[in-house]
Amino acid sequence: MIHIIGRYIPDIRREYSIVNVVFLILLLAMLVMPILLRLWSGGNEQYINSLLFPGCFVEQHTGHICPSCGLTRSILALYEGDFSKSRFYHPYGFLILLVFSGELILRLLPLIYKNIWIPWFDLSQMILIGWLLKRCIFM
């Protein structure tokens, strides 16, 4: 623990490192999976659509589209460099990709720097990102 102005801040670096590595692996998988899928299928869009997008479960059962409908296709279009197609599929696909990329950088910081404040900074920014995503996407 560190003593700061009459209060103690616990040192959570050890526990945080486990969570951080799990997040790092998940983020890498989410960022690389669309590229690998595109390479594996040979760029055949009908095959990718039939494999990945059999239909929206929420739309099939409620008749309404869910807030994340088209998000994967939007990110795939961004990987191809087609920004207008990406905006057509989902207006916030670029924002999700930007957040994932920023999170990937933030996952690498604690591996490089061993400061007690990094876990606390990261926890606060994750709460802020979650709140922003809720406000922007899941209105």
N, C-alpha and C. Protein backbone atom coordinates (compact mmCIF):
# COMPACT_ATOMS: atom_id res chain seq x y z
N MET A 1 0.84 -1.19 0.00
CA MET A 1 0.00 0.00 0.00
C MET A 1 0.87 1.25 0.00
N ILE A 2 0.34 2.27 -0.59
CA ILE A 2 1.04 3.55 -0.63
C ILE A 2 0.22 4.55 0.17
N HIS A 3 0.91 5.31 0.99
CA HIS A 3 0.26 6.30 1.84
C HIS A 3 0.22 7.64 1.08
N ILE A 4 -1.01 8.14 0.87
CA ILE A 4 -1.18 9.42 0.18
C ILE A 4 -2.18 10.25 0.95
N ILE A 5 -1.72 11.33 1.54
CA ILE A 5 -2.55 12.30 2.24
C ILE A 5 -3.58 11.63 3.15
N GLY A 6 -3.13 10.81 4.05
CA GLY A 6 -4.01 10.20 5.03
C GLY A 6 -4.79 9.00 4.53
N ARG A 7 -4.59 8.60 3.29
CA ARG A 7 -5.32 7.45 2.74
C ARG A 7 -4.33 6.45 2.16
N TYR A 8 -4.78 5.23 2.08
CA TYR A 8 -3.94 4.18 1.52
C TYR A 8 -4.53 3.69 0.20
N ILE A 9 -3.67 3.57 -0.78
CA ILE A 9 -4.07 3.04 -2.09
C ILE A 9 -3.44 1.66 -2.21
N PRO A 10 -4.26 0.63 -2.37
CA PRO A 10 -3.69 -0.72 -2.46
C PRO A 10 -2.89 -0.93 -3.74
N ASP A 11 -1.89 -1.75 -3.66
CA ASP A 11 -1.08 -2.11 -4.81
C ASP A 11 -1.73 -3.32 -5.47
N ILE A 12 -2.37 -3.09 -6.60
CA ILE A 12 -3.11 -4.16 -7.28
C ILE A 12 -2.39 -4.62 -8.55
N ARG A 13 -1.12 -4.33 -8.68
CA ARG A 13 -0.40 -4.66 -9.91
C ARG A 13 -0.37 -6.16 -10.21
N ARG A 14 -0.22 -7.00 -9.20
CA ARG A 14 -0.15 -8.44 -9.44
C ARG A 14 -1.48 -8.97 -9.97
N GLU A 15 -2.56 -8.63 -9.32
CA GLU A 15 -3.88 -9.07 -9.77
C GLU A 15 -4.23 -8.48 -11.13
N TYR A 16 -3.85 -7.23 -11.30
CA TYR A 16 -4.15 -6.52 -12.54
C TYR A 16 -3.40 -7.14 -13.72
N SER A 17 -2.20 -7.64 -13.48
CA SER A 17 -1.41 -8.19 -14.58
C SER A 17 -2.10 -9.41 -15.19
N ILE A 18 -2.78 -10.21 -14.38
CA ILE A 18 -3.50 -11.37 -14.89
C ILE A 18 -4.66 -10.92 -15.78
N VAL A 19 -5.43 -9.99 -15.30
CA VAL A 19 -6.56 -9.46 -16.07
C VAL A 19 -6.06 -8.78 -17.34
N ASN A 20 -4.97 -8.07 -17.23
CA ASN A 20 -4.42 -7.35 -18.37
C ASN A 20 -3.99 -8.31 -19.48
N VAL A 21 -3.36 -9.41 -19.13
CA VAL A 21 -2.92 -10.38 -20.15
C VAL A 21 -4.13 -11.02 -20.83
N VAL A 22 -5.17 -11.32 -20.07
CA VAL A 22 -6.38 -11.89 -20.66
C VAL A 22 -7.02 -10.90 -21.64
N PHE A 23 -7.12 -9.63 -21.25
CA PHE A 23 -7.65 -8.59 -22.14
C PHE A 23 -6.78 -8.44 -23.38
N LEU A 24 -5.47 -8.50 -23.22
CA LEU A 24 -4.55 -8.37 -24.35
C LEU A 24 -4.78 -9.49 -25.35
N ILE A 25 -4.92 -10.71 -24.88
CA ILE A 25 -5.16 -11.85 -25.78
C ILE A 25 -6.51 -11.70 -26.49
N LEU A 26 -7.55 -11.30 -25.77
CA LEU A 26 -8.87 -11.12 -26.39
C LEU A 26 -8.85 -10.01 -27.43
N LEU A 27 -8.20 -8.89 -27.14
CA LEU A 27 -8.12 -7.80 -28.09
C LEU A 27 -7.35 -8.19 -29.35
N LEU A 28 -6.25 -8.88 -29.17
CA LEU A 28 -5.50 -9.35 -30.34
C LEU A 28 -6.34 -10.28 -31.19
N ALA A 29 -7.09 -11.17 -30.54
CA ALA A 29 -7.96 -12.09 -31.28
C ALA A 29 -9.04 -11.31 -32.04
N MET A 30 -9.65 -10.31 -31.41
CA MET A 30 -10.71 -9.54 -32.06
C MET A 30 -10.19 -8.70 -33.22
N LEU A 31 -8.96 -8.22 -33.12
CA LEU A 31 -8.41 -7.40 -34.19
C LEU A 31 -7.86 -8.24 -35.34
N VAL A 32 -7.38 -9.43 -35.06
CA VAL A 32 -6.75 -10.26 -36.09
C VAL A 32 -7.75 -11.22 -36.74
N MET A 33 -8.79 -11.62 -36.02
CA MET A 33 -9.74 -12.60 -36.55
C MET A 33 -10.37 -12.18 -37.88
N PRO A 34 -10.84 -10.95 -38.06
CA PRO A 34 -11.42 -10.59 -39.37
C PRO A 34 -10.41 -10.69 -40.52
N ILE A 35 -9.16 -10.36 -40.26
CA ILE A 35 -8.15 -10.46 -41.30
C ILE A 35 -7.90 -11.92 -41.66
N LEU A 36 -7.76 -12.77 -40.64
CA LEU A 36 -7.55 -14.19 -40.89
C LEU A 36 -8.74 -14.83 -41.61
N LEU A 37 -9.94 -14.42 -41.24
CA LEU A 37 -11.14 -14.93 -41.88
C LEU A 37 -11.16 -14.55 -43.35
N ARG A 38 -10.78 -13.31 -43.63
CA ARG A 38 -10.74 -12.84 -45.02
C ARG A 38 -9.71 -13.64 -45.82
N LEU A 39 -8.54 -13.89 -45.23
CA LEU A 39 -7.50 -14.66 -45.92
C LEU A 39 -7.91 -16.12 -46.10
N TRP A 40 -8.51 -16.70 -45.07
CA TRP A 40 -8.91 -18.10 -45.09
C TRP A 40 -9.97 -18.37 -46.16
N SER A 41 -10.89 -17.43 -46.32
CA SER A 41 -11.98 -17.63 -47.28
C SER A 41 -11.58 -17.23 -48.69
N GLY A 42 -10.40 -16.65 -48.85
CA GLY A 42 -9.98 -16.20 -50.18
C GLY A 42 -10.72 -14.96 -50.64
N GLY A 43 -11.30 -14.22 -49.71
CA GLY A 43 -12.02 -12.98 -50.05
C GLY A 43 -13.43 -13.22 -50.55
N ASN A 44 -13.92 -14.46 -50.51
CA ASN A 44 -15.26 -14.79 -50.97
C ASN A 44 -16.28 -14.25 -49.97
N GLU A 45 -16.93 -13.15 -50.33
CA GLU A 45 -17.83 -12.47 -49.40
C GLU A 45 -19.09 -13.29 -49.08
N GLN A 46 -19.60 -14.05 -50.07
CA GLN A 46 -20.78 -14.86 -49.79
C GLN A 46 -20.46 -15.96 -48.78
N TYR A 47 -19.28 -16.54 -48.87
CA TYR A 47 -18.87 -17.58 -47.92
C TYR A 47 -18.74 -16.99 -46.51
N ILE A 48 -18.12 -15.82 -46.42
CA ILE A 48 -17.96 -15.16 -45.12
C ILE A 48 -19.32 -14.82 -44.54
N ASN A 49 -20.21 -14.28 -45.35
CA ASN A 49 -21.54 -13.91 -44.86
C ASN A 49 -22.32 -15.14 -44.38
N SER A 50 -22.22 -16.25 -45.11
CA SER A 50 -22.96 -17.45 -44.69
C SER A 50 -22.35 -18.06 -43.43
N LEU A 51 -21.03 -17.93 -43.28
CA LEU A 51 -20.36 -18.49 -42.13
C LEU A 51 -20.54 -17.62 -40.88
N LEU A 52 -20.33 -16.33 -41.06
CA LEU A 52 -20.33 -15.41 -39.92
C LEU A 52 -21.68 -14.81 -39.60
N PHE A 53 -22.48 -14.57 -40.61
CA PHE A 53 -23.71 -13.81 -40.41
C PHE A 53 -24.93 -14.63 -40.83
N PRO A 54 -25.25 -15.69 -40.11
CA PRO A 54 -26.42 -16.48 -40.49
C PRO A 54 -27.72 -15.73 -40.26
N GLY A 55 -27.68 -14.68 -39.51
CA GLY A 55 -28.85 -13.88 -39.20
C GLY A 55 -28.77 -13.38 -37.77
N CYS A 56 -29.38 -12.28 -37.52
CA CYS A 56 -29.34 -11.69 -36.19
C CYS A 56 -30.36 -12.40 -35.29
N PHE A 57 -29.89 -12.96 -34.21
CA PHE A 57 -30.75 -13.67 -33.27
C PHE A 57 -31.81 -12.73 -32.70
N VAL A 58 -31.39 -11.52 -32.36
CA VAL A 58 -32.34 -10.55 -31.77
C VAL A 58 -33.40 -10.17 -32.79
N GLU A 59 -32.99 -9.91 -34.04
CA GLU A 59 -33.95 -9.52 -35.06
C GLU A 59 -34.91 -10.68 -35.39
N GLN A 60 -34.40 -11.90 -35.41
CA GLN A 60 -35.25 -13.04 -35.71
C GLN A 60 -36.31 -13.26 -34.64
N HIS A 61 -35.98 -12.96 -33.38
CA HIS A 61 -36.92 -13.25 -32.29
C HIS A 61 -37.76 -12.05 -31.86
N THR A 62 -37.29 -10.85 -32.12
CA THR A 62 -38.06 -9.67 -31.69
C THR A 62 -38.58 -8.83 -32.85
N GLY A 63 -37.97 -8.97 -34.02
CA GLY A 63 -38.37 -8.15 -35.16
C GLY A 63 -37.66 -6.81 -35.21
N HIS A 64 -36.83 -6.54 -34.21
CA HIS A 64 -36.07 -5.28 -34.18
C HIS A 64 -34.59 -5.59 -34.29
N ILE A 65 -33.85 -4.71 -34.96
CA ILE A 65 -32.42 -4.95 -35.07
C ILE A 65 -31.74 -4.57 -33.75
N CYS A 66 -30.67 -5.28 -33.45
CA CYS A 66 -29.94 -4.99 -32.21
C CYS A 66 -28.93 -3.87 -32.47
N PRO A 67 -28.43 -3.23 -31.43
CA PRO A 67 -27.50 -2.11 -31.61
C PRO A 67 -26.18 -2.50 -32.27
N SER A 68 -25.83 -3.77 -32.25
CA SER A 68 -24.55 -4.17 -32.84
C SER A 68 -24.71 -4.80 -34.22
N CYS A 69 -25.90 -4.79 -34.79
CA CYS A 69 -26.10 -5.36 -36.12
C CYS A 69 -25.23 -4.63 -37.14
N GLY A 70 -24.47 -5.40 -37.90
CA GLY A 70 -23.61 -4.84 -38.94
C GLY A 70 -22.24 -4.43 -38.46
N LEU A 71 -21.95 -4.59 -37.19
CA LEU A 71 -20.68 -4.11 -36.64
C LEU A 71 -19.49 -4.89 -37.21
N THR A 72 -19.60 -6.20 -37.30
CA THR A 72 -18.48 -6.99 -37.84
C THR A 72 -18.26 -6.67 -39.31
N ARG A 73 -19.33 -6.57 -40.07
CA ARG A 73 -19.19 -6.20 -41.49
C ARG A 73 -18.60 -4.81 -41.64
N SER A 74 -18.95 -3.92 -40.73
CA SER A 74 -18.40 -2.57 -40.75
C SER A 74 -16.89 -2.58 -40.52
N ILE A 75 -16.44 -3.38 -39.56
CA ILE A 75 -15.01 -3.46 -39.27
C ILE A 75 -14.27 -4.14 -40.42
N LEU A 76 -14.88 -5.17 -41.03
CA LEU A 76 -14.26 -5.81 -42.19
C LEU A 76 -14.12 -4.81 -43.34
N ALA A 77 -15.12 -3.97 -43.54
CA ALA A 77 -15.03 -2.96 -44.59
C ALA A 77 -13.93 -1.94 -44.28
N LEU A 78 -13.76 -1.61 -43.01
CA LEU A 78 -12.66 -0.70 -42.64
C LEU A 78 -11.31 -1.33 -42.92
N TYR A 79 -11.18 -2.62 -42.66
CA TYR A 79 -9.92 -3.32 -42.96
C TYR A 79 -9.62 -3.29 -44.45
N GLU A 80 -10.67 -3.28 -45.27
CA GLU A 80 -10.49 -3.21 -46.71
C GLU A 80 -10.27 -1.78 -47.19
N GLY A 81 -10.48 -0.81 -46.31
CA GLY A 81 -10.29 0.60 -46.67
C GLY A 81 -11.52 1.27 -47.25
N ASP A 82 -12.66 0.64 -47.16
CA ASP A 82 -13.90 1.19 -47.71
C ASP A 82 -14.70 1.85 -46.58
N PHE A 83 -14.45 3.14 -46.36
CA PHE A 83 -15.07 3.85 -45.24
C PHE A 83 -16.58 4.03 -45.45
N SER A 84 -17.02 4.31 -46.67
CA SER A 84 -18.46 4.54 -46.90
C SER A 84 -19.25 3.24 -46.69
N LYS A 85 -18.70 2.12 -47.14
CA LYS A 85 -19.36 0.83 -46.91
C LYS A 85 -19.41 0.51 -45.41
N SER A 86 -18.33 0.86 -44.71
CA SER A 86 -18.29 0.65 -43.27
C SER A 86 -19.37 1.46 -42.57
N ARG A 87 -19.53 2.72 -42.94
CA ARG A 87 -20.57 3.57 -42.35
C ARG A 87 -21.97 3.06 -42.68
N PHE A 88 -22.12 2.45 -43.87
CA PHE A 88 -23.41 1.89 -44.25
C PHE A 88 -23.79 0.73 -43.34
N TYR A 89 -22.83 -0.16 -43.06
CA TYR A 89 -23.12 -1.32 -42.21
C TYR A 89 -23.38 -0.92 -40.76
N HIS A 90 -22.55 -0.04 -40.22
CA HIS A 90 -22.74 0.43 -38.84
C HIS A 90 -22.05 1.78 -38.71
N PRO A 91 -22.77 2.82 -38.26
CA PRO A 91 -22.17 4.15 -38.20
C PRO A 91 -21.02 4.30 -37.21
N TYR A 92 -20.92 3.39 -36.23
CA TYR A 92 -19.86 3.52 -35.22
C TYR A 92 -18.80 2.43 -35.31
N GLY A 93 -18.70 1.76 -36.45
CA GLY A 93 -17.69 0.71 -36.62
C GLY A 93 -16.28 1.25 -36.47
N PHE A 94 -16.03 2.44 -37.03
CA PHE A 94 -14.70 3.04 -36.91
C PHE A 94 -14.37 3.37 -35.46
N LEU A 95 -15.38 3.76 -34.70
CA LEU A 95 -15.16 4.09 -33.28
C LEU A 95 -14.78 2.83 -32.49
N ILE A 96 -15.45 1.73 -32.77
CA ILE A 96 -15.13 0.48 -32.09
C ILE A 96 -13.72 0.04 -32.43
N LEU A 97 -13.34 0.15 -33.70
CA LEU A 97 -11.98 -0.22 -34.11
C LEU A 97 -10.95 0.69 -33.46
N LEU A 98 -11.26 1.97 -33.35
CA LEU A 98 -10.37 2.92 -32.69
C LEU A 98 -10.23 2.60 -31.20
N VAL A 99 -11.32 2.27 -30.55
CA VAL A 99 -11.29 1.92 -29.12
C VAL A 99 -10.48 0.64 -28.92
N PHE A 100 -10.70 -0.38 -29.77
CA PHE A 100 -9.94 -1.62 -29.65
C PHE A 100 -8.45 -1.38 -29.84
N SER A 101 -8.09 -0.55 -30.80
CA SER A 101 -6.67 -0.25 -31.04
C SER A 101 -6.07 0.51 -29.86
N GLY A 102 -6.80 1.47 -29.32
CA GLY A 102 -6.33 2.20 -28.14
C GLY A 102 -6.19 1.29 -26.93
N GLU A 103 -7.15 0.40 -26.77
CA GLU A 103 -7.09 -0.55 -25.66
C GLU A 103 -5.89 -1.48 -25.80
N LEU A 104 -5.57 -1.86 -27.02
CA LEU A 104 -4.40 -2.72 -27.24
C LEU A 104 -3.13 -2.01 -26.78
N ILE A 105 -3.02 -0.73 -27.08
CA ILE A 105 -1.86 0.05 -26.62
C ILE A 105 -1.85 0.14 -25.10
N LEU A 106 -3.01 0.37 -24.51
CA LEU A 106 -3.08 0.46 -23.05
C LEU A 106 -2.80 -0.88 -22.36
N ARG A 107 -3.06 -1.99 -23.05
CA ARG A 107 -2.73 -3.30 -22.49
C ARG A 107 -1.23 -3.53 -22.48
N LEU A 108 -0.52 -2.91 -23.42
CA LEU A 108 0.94 -3.09 -23.51
C LEU A 108 1.69 -2.20 -22.51
N LEU A 109 1.11 -1.07 -22.12
CA LEU A 109 1.78 -0.15 -21.20
C LEU A 109 2.20 -0.80 -19.87
N PRO A 110 1.32 -1.52 -19.19
CA PRO A 110 1.74 -2.13 -17.91
C PRO A 110 2.83 -3.19 -18.06
N LEU A 111 2.94 -3.76 -19.25
CA LEU A 111 4.01 -4.72 -19.46
C LEU A 111 5.37 -4.04 -19.59
N ILE A 112 5.34 -2.78 -20.00
CA ILE A 112 6.58 -2.02 -20.17
C ILE A 112 6.94 -1.25 -18.91
N TYR A 113 5.96 -0.54 -18.35
CA TYR A 113 6.19 0.29 -17.17
C TYR A 113 5.59 -0.38 -15.94
N LYS A 114 6.30 -0.35 -14.85
CA LYS A 114 5.84 -0.99 -13.61
C LYS A 114 5.49 0.06 -12.56
N ASN A 115 4.57 0.93 -12.89
CA ASN A 115 4.15 1.99 -11.99
C ASN A 115 2.87 1.57 -11.26
N ILE A 116 2.74 1.96 -10.00
CA ILE A 116 1.56 1.59 -9.21
C ILE A 116 0.29 2.30 -9.71
N TRP A 117 0.43 3.42 -10.39
CA TRP A 117 -0.72 4.18 -10.84
C TRP A 117 -1.33 3.65 -12.13
N ILE A 118 -0.60 2.89 -12.92
CA ILE A 118 -1.11 2.41 -14.20
C ILE A 118 -2.37 1.57 -14.04
N PRO A 119 -2.45 0.60 -13.12
CA PRO A 119 -3.71 -0.15 -12.99
C PRO A 119 -4.90 0.73 -12.63
N TRP A 120 -4.68 1.71 -11.76
CA TRP A 120 -5.78 2.59 -11.36
C TRP A 120 -6.21 3.50 -12.51
N PHE A 121 -5.25 3.98 -13.28
CA PHE A 121 -5.57 4.79 -14.46
C PHE A 121 -6.34 3.94 -15.46
N ASP A 122 -5.90 2.71 -15.66
CA ASP A 122 -6.54 1.84 -16.63
C ASP A 122 -7.96 1.48 -16.22
N LEU A 123 -8.17 1.20 -14.96
CA LEU A 123 -9.52 0.89 -14.49
C LEU A 123 -10.46 2.07 -14.71
N SER A 124 -9.98 3.27 -14.45
CA SER A 124 -10.83 4.45 -14.64
C SER A 124 -11.12 4.69 -16.12
N GLN A 125 -10.12 4.48 -16.99
CA GLN A 125 -10.39 4.68 -18.41
C GLN A 125 -11.31 3.61 -18.97
N MET A 126 -11.27 2.37 -18.43
CA MET A 126 -12.20 1.34 -18.88
C MET A 126 -13.63 1.69 -18.51
N ILE A 127 -13.81 2.27 -17.35
CA ILE A 127 -15.16 2.71 -16.95
C ILE A 127 -15.64 3.82 -17.87
N LEU A 128 -14.76 4.76 -18.19
CA LEU A 128 -15.11 5.86 -19.09
C LEU A 128 -15.44 5.35 -20.49
N ILE A 129 -14.63 4.45 -21.02
CA ILE A 129 -14.88 3.88 -22.35
C ILE A 129 -16.21 3.14 -22.36
N GLY A 130 -16.49 2.36 -21.32
CA GLY A 130 -17.76 1.65 -21.24
C GLY A 130 -18.94 2.60 -21.23
N TRP A 131 -18.81 3.68 -20.49
CA TRP A 131 -19.89 4.67 -20.44
C TRP A 131 -20.07 5.33 -21.80
N LEU A 132 -18.96 5.68 -22.48
CA LEU A 132 -19.05 6.31 -23.80
C LEU A 132 -19.67 5.37 -24.83
N LEU A 133 -19.27 4.11 -24.80
CA LEU A 133 -19.85 3.15 -25.74
C LEU A 133 -21.33 2.96 -25.48
N LYS A 134 -21.71 2.94 -24.24
CA LYS A 134 -23.12 2.81 -23.91
C LYS A 134 -23.91 4.01 -24.45
N ARG A 135 -23.35 5.19 -24.30
CA ARG A 135 -24.02 6.41 -24.75
C ARG A 135 -24.07 6.48 -26.28
N CYS A 136 -23.00 6.07 -26.96
CA CYS A 136 -22.92 6.21 -28.42
C CYS A 136 -23.63 5.09 -29.17
N ILE A 137 -23.47 3.87 -28.71
CA ILE A 137 -23.93 2.73 -29.49
C ILE A 137 -25.22 2.14 -28.94
N PHE A 138 -25.27 1.94 -27.66
CA PHE A 138 -26.41 1.25 -27.07
C PHE A 138 -27.36 2.26 -26.42
N MET A 139 -27.76 3.26 -27.19
CA MET A 139 -28.61 4.33 -26.68
C MET A 139 -29.84 3.76 -26.14
